Amino acid sequence: MLSLFLIYNSCENKIDQNLNIATAANMQFVMQELTKAFARDTGINCEIIVSSSGKLTAQIIEGAPYDIFVSANMKYPNKLYELGLTVDEPRIYAFGKLVIWTMNTQLDPDFKSFYKKHIKHIAMANPKTAPYGKAALEVLKNKGIYSKLENKFVFGESIAQTNQFIISYAAEIGFTAKSIVLSKNINGKGVWKEVDSSLYTPIAQGIVLIKNRKINLAKSKQFQDFLISEKGKEILNKFGYTVNDK
């Protein structure tokens, strides 16, 4: 019995030593590369939990065992800070960019294509929980076309689900993050075009350390420092993000 207890505790300790990073879906692929580079430099392994920023925030409020929250905006990290659930104030680590994307290489990924008769579904992330969905909605309203196309929109719970709609042809075209189409997993699939950034509020993305698991606080700070280091910025740039130089 004693040996089983020691084995259980040993496994539990190894799990505790990993950093649990709650990651917005637009950061899914770049986070894989960031955590690999971080592990090479520090020997610290990371577990990545991917969902919409809104859902991750709800999970953190409910006590989910996350060490770090890497959000797609500042709204949700600020909310956690105001609730006293974070170590300190959130920091902006990058600014995201929105694109229109389609698997149909014969289709021009622009707003004119939205009106074509054979375009039955236009995918976007849920604006209520996903910052990139909110940005897409802002674009459509600024162009005055949302109400004209309202019946065509299908909403993913996150950018990750929205991507699946587009990849599977469940939606003929849609909005996603530039980091997705530049990732190794997706690059070369379909065609995309960047949305004019003047049509939406800059997508300032924030990182914040969660109080929940103080056991990993020192390691969490190491990862935060890595994310905003020159090496971290280089990786973010590669995925199309504009880095915060402050």
C-alpha atoms as a PDB file:
ATOM      1  CA  MET A   1       0.000   0.000   0.000  1.00  0.00           C
ATOM      2  CA  LEU A   2       2.829   2.355   0.871  1.00  0.00           C
ATOM      3  CA  SER A   3       4.501   1.797  -2.510  1.00  0.00           C
ATOM      4  CA  LEU A   4       1.225   2.506  -4.331  1.00  0.00           C
ATOM      5  CA  PHE A   5       0.798   5.697  -2.297  1.00  0.00           C
ATOM      6  CA  LEU A   6       4.316   6.833  -3.221  1.00  0.00           C
ATOM      7  CA  ILE A   7       3.748   6.064  -6.910  1.00  0.00           C
ATOM      8  CA  TYR A   8       0.447   8.009  -6.861  1.00  0.00           C
ATOM      9  CA  ASN A   9       2.057  10.991  -5.179  1.00  0.00           C
ATOM     10  CA  SER A  10       4.993  10.891  -7.595  1.00  0.00           C
ATOM     11  CA  CYS A  11       2.631  10.979 -10.594  1.00  0.00           C
ATOM     12  CA  GLU A  12       0.550  13.716  -9.016  1.00  0.00           C
ATOM     13  CA  ASN A  13       3.669  15.798  -8.369  1.00  0.00           C
ATOM     14  CA  LYS A  14       4.783  15.423 -11.986  1.00  0.00           C
ATOM     15  CA  ILE A  15       1.368  16.668 -13.139  1.00  0.00           C
ATOM     16  CA  ASP A  16       1.555  19.590 -10.723  1.00  0.00           C
ATOM     17  CA  GLN A  17       4.969  20.518 -12.091  1.00  0.00           C
ATOM     18  CA  ASN A  18       3.519  21.062 -15.582  1.00  0.00           C
ATOM     19  CA  LEU A  19       2.211  24.524 -16.379  1.00  0.00           C
ATOM     20  CA  ASN A  20      -1.466  24.479 -17.292  1.00  0.00           C
ATOM     21  CA  ILE A  21      -1.979  27.236 -19.859  1.00  0.00           C
ATOM     22  CA  ALA A  22      -5.556  28.204 -20.722  1.00  0.00           C
ATOM     23  CA  THR A  23      -5.244  29.328 -24.339  1.00  0.00           C
ATOM     24  CA  ALA A  24      -7.588  31.253 -26.615  1.00  0.00           C
ATOM     25  CA  ALA A  25      -8.320  29.262 -29.774  1.00  0.00           C
ATOM     26  CA  ASN A  26      -6.605  31.772 -32.083  1.00  0.00           C
ATOM     27  CA  MET A  27      -3.367  31.044 -30.201  1.00  0.00           C
ATOM     28  CA  GLN A  28      -3.649  27.253 -30.486  1.00  0.00           C
ATOM     29  CA  PHE A  29      -0.913  26.641 -33.038  1.00  0.00           C
ATOM     30  CA  VAL A  30       1.452  29.416 -32.022  1.00  0.00           C
ATOM     31  CA  MET A  31       1.181  28.234 -28.407  1.00  0.00           C
ATOM     32  CA  GLN A  32       2.368  24.782 -29.449  1.00  0.00           C
ATOM     33  CA  GLU A  33       5.519  26.321 -30.873  1.00  0.00           C
ATOM     34  CA  LEU A  34       5.959  28.716 -27.941  1.00  0.00           C
ATOM     35  CA  THR A  35       5.694  25.976 -25.321  1.00  0.00           C
ATOM     36  CA  LYS A  36       8.129  23.721 -27.195  1.00  0.00           C
ATOM     37  CA  ALA A  37      10.695  26.537 -27.334  1.00  0.00           C
ATOM     38  CA  PHE A  38      10.039  27.369 -23.672  1.00  0.00           C
ATOM     39  CA  ALA A  39      10.525  23.723 -22.659  1.00  0.00           C
ATOM     40  CA  ARG A  40      13.806  23.547 -24.573  1.00  0.00           C
ATOM     41  CA  ASP A  41      15.078  26.651 -22.776  1.00  0.00           C
ATOM     42  CA  THR A  42      13.829  25.845 -19.274  1.00  0.00           C
ATOM     43  CA  GLY A  43      12.977  22.147 -19.042  1.00  0.00           C
ATOM     44  CA  ILE A  44       9.446  23.143 -17.958  1.00  0.00           C
ATOM     45  CA  ASN A  45       6.650  21.251 -19.686  1.00  0.00           C
ATOM     46  CA  CYS A  46       3.271  22.810 -20.429  1.00  0.00           C
ATOM     47  CA  GLU A  47      -0.262  21.526 -20.885  1.00  0.00           C
ATOM     48  CA  ILE A  48      -2.370  23.585 -23.313  1.00  0.00           C
ATOM     49  CA  ILE A  49      -6.125  23.896 -22.787  1.00  0.00           C
ATOM     50  CA  VAL A  50      -7.823  25.480 -25.811  1.00  0.00           C
ATOM     51  CA  SER A  51     -11.232  27.160 -25.914  1.00  0.00           C
ATOM     52  CA  SER A  52     -12.835  30.553 -26.434  1.00  0.00           C
ATOM     53  CA  SER A  53     -11.619  33.307 -24.118  1.00  0.00           C
ATOM     54  CA  GLY A  54     -15.103  33.659 -22.630  1.00  0.00           C
ATOM     55  CA  LYS A  55     -15.436  29.970 -21.795  1.00  0.00           C
ATOM     56  CA  LEU A  56     -11.945  29.796 -20.298  1.00  0.00           C
ATOM     57  CA  THR A  57     -12.772  32.804 -18.136  1.00  0.00           C
ATOM     58  CA  ALA A  58     -15.905  31.080 -16.846  1.00  0.00           C
ATOM     59  CA  GLN A  59     -13.865  27.962 -16.049  1.00  0.00           C
ATOM     60  CA  ILE A  60     -11.252  29.996 -14.152  1.00  0.00           C
ATOM     61  CA  ILE A  61     -13.972  31.692 -12.110  1.00  0.00           C
ATOM     62  CA  GLU A  62     -15.286  28.213 -11.262  1.00  0.00           C
ATOM     63  CA  GLY A  63     -11.821  27.212 -10.027  1.00  0.00           C
ATOM     64  CA  ALA A  64     -10.296  25.359 -12.994  1.00  0.00           C
ATOM     65  CA  PRO A  65      -6.647  24.433 -12.208  1.00  0.00           C
ATOM     66  CA  TYR A  66      -4.975  26.781 -14.701  1.00  0.00           C
ATOM     67  CA  ASP A  67      -1.713  28.593 -14.031  1.00  0.00           C
ATOM     68  CA  ILE A  68      -1.803  31.078 -16.918  1.00  0.00           C
ATOM     69  CA  PHE A  69      -4.528  32.561 -19.086  1.00  0.00           C
ATOM     70  CA  VAL A  70      -3.494  33.622 -22.592  1.00  0.00           C
ATOM     71  CA  SER A  71      -6.528  35.472 -23.896  1.00  0.00           C
ATOM     72  CA  ALA A  72      -7.593  36.815 -27.294  1.00  0.00           C
ATOM     73  CA  ASN A  73      -8.470  40.164 -25.748  1.00  0.00           C
ATOM     74  CA  MET A  74      -8.046  42.250 -22.595  1.00  0.00           C
ATOM     75  CA  LYS A  75     -11.675  42.208 -21.492  1.00  0.00           C
ATOM     76  CA  TYR A  76     -11.582  38.757 -19.923  1.00  0.00           C
ATOM     77  CA  PRO A  77      -8.157  39.016 -18.229  1.00  0.00           C
ATOM     78  CA  ASN A  78      -9.258  42.372 -16.785  1.00  0.00           C
ATOM     79  CA  LYS A  79     -12.441  40.776 -15.493  1.00  0.00           C
ATOM     80  CA  LEU A  80     -10.421  38.115 -13.654  1.00  0.00           C
ATOM     81  CA  TYR A  81      -8.129  40.809 -12.256  1.00  0.00           C
ATOM     82  CA  GLU A  82     -11.118  42.790 -10.973  1.00  0.00           C
ATOM     83  CA  LEU A  83     -12.426  39.622  -9.291  1.00  0.00           C
ATOM     84  CA  GLY A  84      -9.101  39.209  -7.482  1.00  0.00           C
ATOM     85  CA  LEU A  85      -8.275  35.912  -9.219  1.00  0.00           C
ATOM     86  CA  THR A  86      -4.956  36.979 -10.751  1.00  0.00           C
ATOM     87  CA  VAL A  87      -1.488  37.616  -9.406  1.00  0.00           C
ATOM     88  CA  ASP A  88      -1.262  41.045 -11.001  1.00  0.00           C
ATOM     89  CA  GLU A  89      -2.708  43.142 -13.824  1.00  0.00           C
ATOM     90  CA  PRO A  90      -2.898  41.623 -17.324  1.00  0.00           C
ATOM     91  CA  ARG A  91      -0.232  42.484 -19.871  1.00  0.00           C
ATOM     92  CA  ILE A  92      -0.714  42.955 -23.606  1.00  0.00           C
ATOM     93  CA  TYR A  93       1.574  40.546 -25.445  1.00  0.00           C
ATOM     94  CA  ALA A  94       0.367  41.006 -29.040  1.00  0.00           C
ATOM     95  CA  PHE A  95      -2.273  42.362 -31.400  1.00  0.00           C
ATOM     96  CA  GLY A  96      -4.189  39.892 -33.545  1.00  0.00           C
ATOM     97  CA  LYS A  97      -5.395  40.235 -37.131  1.00  0.00           C
ATOM     98  CA  LEU A  98      -8.596  39.111 -38.809  1.00  0.00           C
ATOM     99  CA  VAL A  99      -8.834  37.391 -42.211  1.00  0.00           C
ATOM    100  CA  ILE A 100     -11.510  36.063 -44.555  1.00  0.00           C
ATOM    101  CA  TRP A 101     -10.810  32.434 -45.488  1.00  0.00           C
ATOM    102  CA  THR A 102     -12.285  29.833 -47.834  1.00  0.00           C
ATOM    103  CA  MET A 103     -11.339  26.333 -48.968  1.00  0.00           C
ATOM    104  CA  ASN A 104     -12.645  27.119 -52.467  1.00  0.00           C
ATOM    105  CA  THR A 105      -9.591  28.323 -54.371  1.00  0.00           C
ATOM    106  CA  GLN A 106     -11.866  29.569 -57.177  1.00  0.00           C
ATOM    107  CA  LEU A 107     -13.597  31.953 -54.768  1.00  0.00           C
ATOM    108  CA  ASP A 108     -12.224  35.393 -53.961  1.00  0.00           C
ATOM    109  CA  PRO A 109     -12.089  35.721 -50.154  1.00  0.00           C
ATOM    110  CA  ASP A 110     -13.702  39.129 -49.910  1.00  0.00           C
ATOM    111  CA  PHE A 111     -16.998  40.754 -48.933  1.00  0.00           C
ATOM    112  CA  LYS A 112     -18.411  40.639 -52.477  1.00  0.00           C
ATOM    113  CA  SER A 113     -18.307  36.847 -52.356  1.00  0.00           C
ATOM    114  CA  PHE A 114     -20.622  36.874 -49.329  1.00  0.00           C
ATOM    115  CA  TYR A 115     -23.478  37.884 -51.650  1.00  0.00           C
ATOM    116  CA  LYS A 116     -23.019  35.061 -54.172  1.00  0.00           C
ATOM    117  CA  LYS A 117     -26.043  32.746 -54.388  1.00  0.00           C
ATOM    118  CA  HIS A 118     -24.047  29.570 -53.852  1.00  0.00           C
ATOM    119  CA  ILE A 119     -22.656  30.962 -50.583  1.00  0.00           C
ATOM    120  CA  LYS A 120     -25.150  29.571 -48.091  1.00  0.00           C
ATOM    121  CA  HIS A 121     -23.095  29.796 -44.905  1.00  0.00           C
ATOM    122  CA  ILE A 122     -20.553  32.339 -43.643  1.00  0.00           C
ATOM    123  CA  ALA A 123     -18.666  31.191 -40.545  1.00  0.00           C
ATOM    124  CA  MET A 124     -17.607  33.366 -37.643  1.00  0.00           C
ATOM    125  CA  ALA A 125     -16.870  32.808 -33.959  1.00  0.00           C
ATOM    126  CA  ASN A 126     -19.539  33.637 -31.396  1.00  0.00           C
ATOM    127  CA  PRO A 127     -19.187  37.404 -30.736  1.00  0.00           C
ATOM    128  CA  LYS A 128     -20.438  36.905 -27.159  1.00  0.00           C
ATOM    129  CA  THR A 129     -17.512  34.718 -26.077  1.00  0.00           C
ATOM    130  CA  ALA A 130     -14.822  34.946 -28.794  1.00  0.00           C
ATOM    131  CA  PRO A 131     -12.938  38.224 -29.413  1.00  0.00           C
ATOM    132  CA  TYR A 132     -12.354  37.405 -33.084  1.00  0.00           C
ATOM    133  CA  GLY A 133     -16.076  36.884 -33.484  1.00  0.00           C
ATOM    134  CA  LYS A 134     -16.685  40.262 -31.900  1.00  0.00           C
ATOM    135  CA  ALA A 135     -14.178  41.823 -34.327  1.00  0.00           C
ATOM    136  CA  ALA A 136     -15.871  40.131 -37.303  1.00  0.00           C
ATOM    137  CA  LEU A 137     -19.263  41.438 -36.208  1.00  0.00           C
ATOM    138  CA  GLU A 138     -17.790  44.921 -35.856  1.00  0.00           C
ATOM    139  CA  VAL A 139     -16.413  44.711 -39.403  1.00  0.00           C
ATOM    140  CA  LEU A 140     -19.761  43.643 -40.838  1.00  0.00           C
ATOM    141  CA  LYS A 141     -21.640  46.409 -39.038  1.00  0.00           C
ATOM    142  CA  ASN A 142     -19.079  49.049 -40.012  1.00  0.00           C
ATOM    143  CA  LYS A 143     -19.523  48.017 -43.642  1.00  0.00           C
ATOM    144  CA  GLY A 144     -23.299  48.081 -43.204  1.00  0.00           C
ATOM    145  CA  ILE A 145     -23.797  44.538 -44.454  1.00  0.00           C
ATOM    146  CA  TYR A 146     -24.605  42.469 -41.361  1.00  0.00           C
ATOM    147  CA  SER A 147     -28.398  42.813 -41.587  1.00  0.00           C
ATOM    148  CA  LYS A 148     -28.326  42.038 -45.319  1.00  0.00           C
ATOM    149  CA  LEU A 149     -26.481  38.738 -44.754  1.00  0.00           C
ATOM    150  CA  GLU A 150     -27.765  37.782 -41.315  1.00  0.00           C
ATOM    151  CA  ASN A 151     -29.419  34.544 -42.449  1.00  0.00           C
ATOM    152  CA  LYS A 152     -26.125  33.207 -43.812  1.00  0.00           C
ATOM    153  CA  PHE A 153     -24.038  33.415 -40.636  1.00  0.00           C
ATOM    154  CA  VAL A 154     -23.134  30.315 -38.625  1.00  0.00           C
ATOM    155  CA  PHE A 155     -21.386  30.734 -35.301  1.00  0.00           C
ATOM    156  CA  GLY A 156     -18.644  28.570 -33.829  1.00  0.00           C
ATOM    157  CA  GLU A 157     -18.098  28.391 -30.085  1.00  0.00           C
ATOM    158  CA  SER A 158     -14.546  29.531 -30.763  1.00  0.00           C
ATOM    159  CA  ILE A 159     -12.203  30.201 -33.670  1.00  0.00           C
ATOM    160  CA  ALA A 160     -11.249  26.505 -33.515  1.00  0.00           C
ATOM    161  CA  GLN A 161     -14.810  25.371 -34.231  1.00  0.00           C
ATOM    162  CA  THR A 162     -15.228  28.130 -36.818  1.00  0.00           C
ATOM    163  CA  ASN A 163     -12.144  26.800 -38.599  1.00  0.00           C
ATOM    164  CA  GLN A 164     -13.705  23.339 -38.699  1.00  0.00           C
ATOM    165  CA  PHE A 165     -16.813  24.769 -40.351  1.00  0.00           C
ATOM    166  CA  ILE A 166     -14.629  26.255 -43.092  1.00  0.00           C
ATOM    167  CA  ILE A 167     -12.270  23.286 -43.512  1.00  0.00           C
ATOM    168  CA  SER A 168     -15.166  20.798 -43.709  1.00  0.00           C
ATOM    169  CA  TYR A 169     -17.063  22.996 -46.211  1.00  0.00           C
ATOM    170  CA  ALA A 170     -19.961  23.256 -43.749  1.00  0.00           C
ATOM    171  CA  ALA A 171     -19.437  26.962 -44.420  1.00  0.00           C
ATOM    172  CA  GLU A 172     -18.215  28.084 -47.832  1.00  0.00           C
ATOM    173  CA  ILE A 173     -16.343  31.082 -46.403  1.00  0.00           C
ATOM    174  CA  GLY A 174     -15.748  32.779 -43.073  1.00  0.00           C
ATOM    175  CA  PHE A 175     -13.641  34.801 -40.679  1.00  0.00           C
ATOM    176  CA  THR A 176     -10.646  33.511 -38.741  1.00  0.00           C
ATOM    177  CA  ALA A 177      -7.406  34.699 -37.173  1.00  0.00           C
ATOM    178  CA  LYS A 178      -4.377  35.332 -39.368  1.00  0.00           C
ATOM    179  CA  SER A 179      -2.319  33.138 -37.027  1.00  0.00           C
ATOM    180  CA  ILE A 180      -4.441  30.147 -38.045  1.00  0.00           C
ATOM    181  CA  VAL A 181      -3.869  30.412 -41.809  1.00  0.00           C
ATOM    182  CA  LEU A 182      -0.129  30.977 -41.277  1.00  0.00           C
ATOM    183  CA  SER A 183       0.305  27.891 -39.076  1.00  0.00           C
ATOM    184  CA  LYS A 184       2.047  24.761 -40.374  1.00  0.00           C
ATOM    185  CA  ASN A 185      -1.158  22.812 -39.779  1.00  0.00           C
ATOM    186  CA  ILE A 186      -3.223  25.034 -42.089  1.00  0.00           C
ATOM    187  CA  ASN A 187      -0.819  26.956 -44.360  1.00  0.00           C
ATOM    188  CA  GLY A 188      -1.624  26.310 -48.026  1.00  0.00           C
ATOM    189  CA  LYS A 189      -5.190  25.163 -47.428  1.00  0.00           C
ATOM    190  CA  GLY A 190      -7.636  27.307 -49.349  1.00  0.00           C
ATOM    191  CA  VAL A 191      -7.188  31.041 -49.911  1.00  0.00           C
ATOM    192  CA  TRP A 192      -7.425  33.982 -47.539  1.00  0.00           C
ATOM    193  CA  LYS A 193      -7.283  37.758 -47.442  1.00  0.00           C
ATOM    194  CA  GLU A 194      -6.517  40.054 -44.516  1.00  0.00           C
ATOM    195  CA  VAL A 195      -9.357  42.324 -43.397  1.00  0.00           C
ATOM    196  CA  ASP A 196      -8.634  46.057 -43.336  1.00  0.00           C
ATOM    197  CA  SER A 197      -7.670  46.686 -39.703  1.00  0.00           C
ATOM    198  CA  SER A 198      -9.388  50.096 -39.759  1.00  0.00           C
ATOM    199  CA  LEU A 199     -12.739  48.258 -39.794  1.00  0.00           C
ATOM    200  CA  TYR A 200     -12.360  46.824 -36.274  1.00  0.00           C
ATOM    201  CA  THR A 201     -11.011  47.808 -32.893  1.00  0.00           C
ATOM    202  CA  PRO A 202      -7.399  46.561 -32.461  1.00  0.00           C
ATOM    203  CA  ILE A 203      -7.442  43.056 -30.990  1.00  0.00           C
ATOM    204  CA  ALA A 204      -5.148  43.580 -28.003  1.00  0.00           C
ATOM    205  CA  GLN A 205      -4.416  40.158 -26.531  1.00  0.00           C
ATOM    206  CA  GLY A 206      -3.555  39.762 -22.855  1.00  0.00           C
ATOM    207  CA  ILE A 207      -1.756  37.323 -20.594  1.00  0.00           C
ATOM    208  CA  VAL A 208      -2.402  37.040 -16.871  1.00  0.00           C
ATOM    209  CA  LEU A 209      -1.166  34.736 -14.107  1.00  0.00           C
ATOM    210  CA  ILE A 210      -3.839  32.929 -12.106  1.00  0.00           C
ATOM    211  CA  LYS A 211      -3.667  32.684  -8.304  1.00  0.00           C
ATOM    212  CA  ASN A 212      -5.333  29.291  -8.276  1.00  0.00           C
ATOM    213  CA  ARG A 213      -2.141  27.195  -8.285  1.00  0.00           C
ATOM    214  CA  LYS A 214       0.566  29.018  -6.399  1.00  0.00           C
ATOM    215  CA  ILE A 215       2.749  25.905  -6.634  1.00  0.00           C
ATOM    216  CA  ASN A 216       3.702  26.973 -10.175  1.00  0.00           C
ATOM    217  CA  LEU A 217       3.864  30.745  -9.702  1.00  0.00           C
ATOM    218  CA  ALA A 218       7.601  31.058 -10.337  1.00  0.00           C
ATOM    219  CA  LYS A 219       7.308  28.965 -13.497  1.00  0.00           C
ATOM    220  CA  SER A 220       4.287  30.985 -14.625  1.00  0.00           C
ATOM    221  CA  LYS A 221       6.330  34.160 -14.363  1.00  0.00           C
ATOM    222  CA  GLN A 222       9.088  32.497 -16.385  1.00  0.00           C
ATOM    223  CA  PHE A 223       6.634  31.723 -19.167  1.00  0.00           C
ATOM    224  CA  GLN A 224       5.202  35.248 -19.136  1.00  0.00           C
ATOM    225  CA  ASP A 225       8.708  36.662 -19.436  1.00  0.00           C
ATOM    226  CA  PHE A 226       9.443  34.237 -22.288  1.00  0.00           C
ATOM    227  CA  LEU A 227       6.294  35.241 -24.167  1.00  0.00           C
ATOM    228  CA  ILE A 228       7.318  38.902 -24.228  1.00  0.00           C
ATOM    229  CA  SER A 229      11.012  38.175 -24.794  1.00  0.00           C
ATOM    230  CA  GLU A 230      12.696  38.640 -28.172  1.00  0.00           C
ATOM    231  CA  LYS A 231      12.422  34.901 -28.851  1.00  0.00           C
ATOM    232  CA  GLY A 232       8.725  34.911 -27.972  1.00  0.00           C
ATOM    233  CA  LYS A 233       8.090  37.978 -30.126  1.00  0.00           C
ATOM    234  CA  GLU A 234       9.886  36.350 -33.053  1.00  0.00           C
ATOM    235  CA  ILE A 235       7.515  33.373 -32.891  1.00  0.00           C
ATOM    236  CA  LEU A 236       4.467  35.623 -32.555  1.00  0.00           C
ATOM    237  CA  ASN A 237       5.599  37.677 -35.558  1.00  0.00           C
ATOM    238  CA  LYS A 238       5.933  34.523 -37.630  1.00  0.00           C
ATOM    239  CA  PHE A 239       2.257  33.799 -37.011  1.00  0.00           C
ATOM    240  CA  GLY A 240       1.170  37.250 -38.139  1.00  0.00           C
ATOM    241  CA  TYR A 241       0.772  38.961 -34.786  1.00  0.00           C
ATOM    242  CA  THR A 242       1.915  42.504 -34.160  1.00  0.00           C
ATOM    243  CA  VAL A 243       3.950  42.379 -30.962  1.00  0.00           C
ATOM    244  CA  ASN A 244       3.639  44.800 -28.122  1.00  0.00           C
ATOM    245  CA  ASP A 245       6.947  46.668 -27.764  1.00  0.00           C
ATOM    246  CA  LYS A 246       6.069  48.492 -24.545  1.00  0.00           C
END
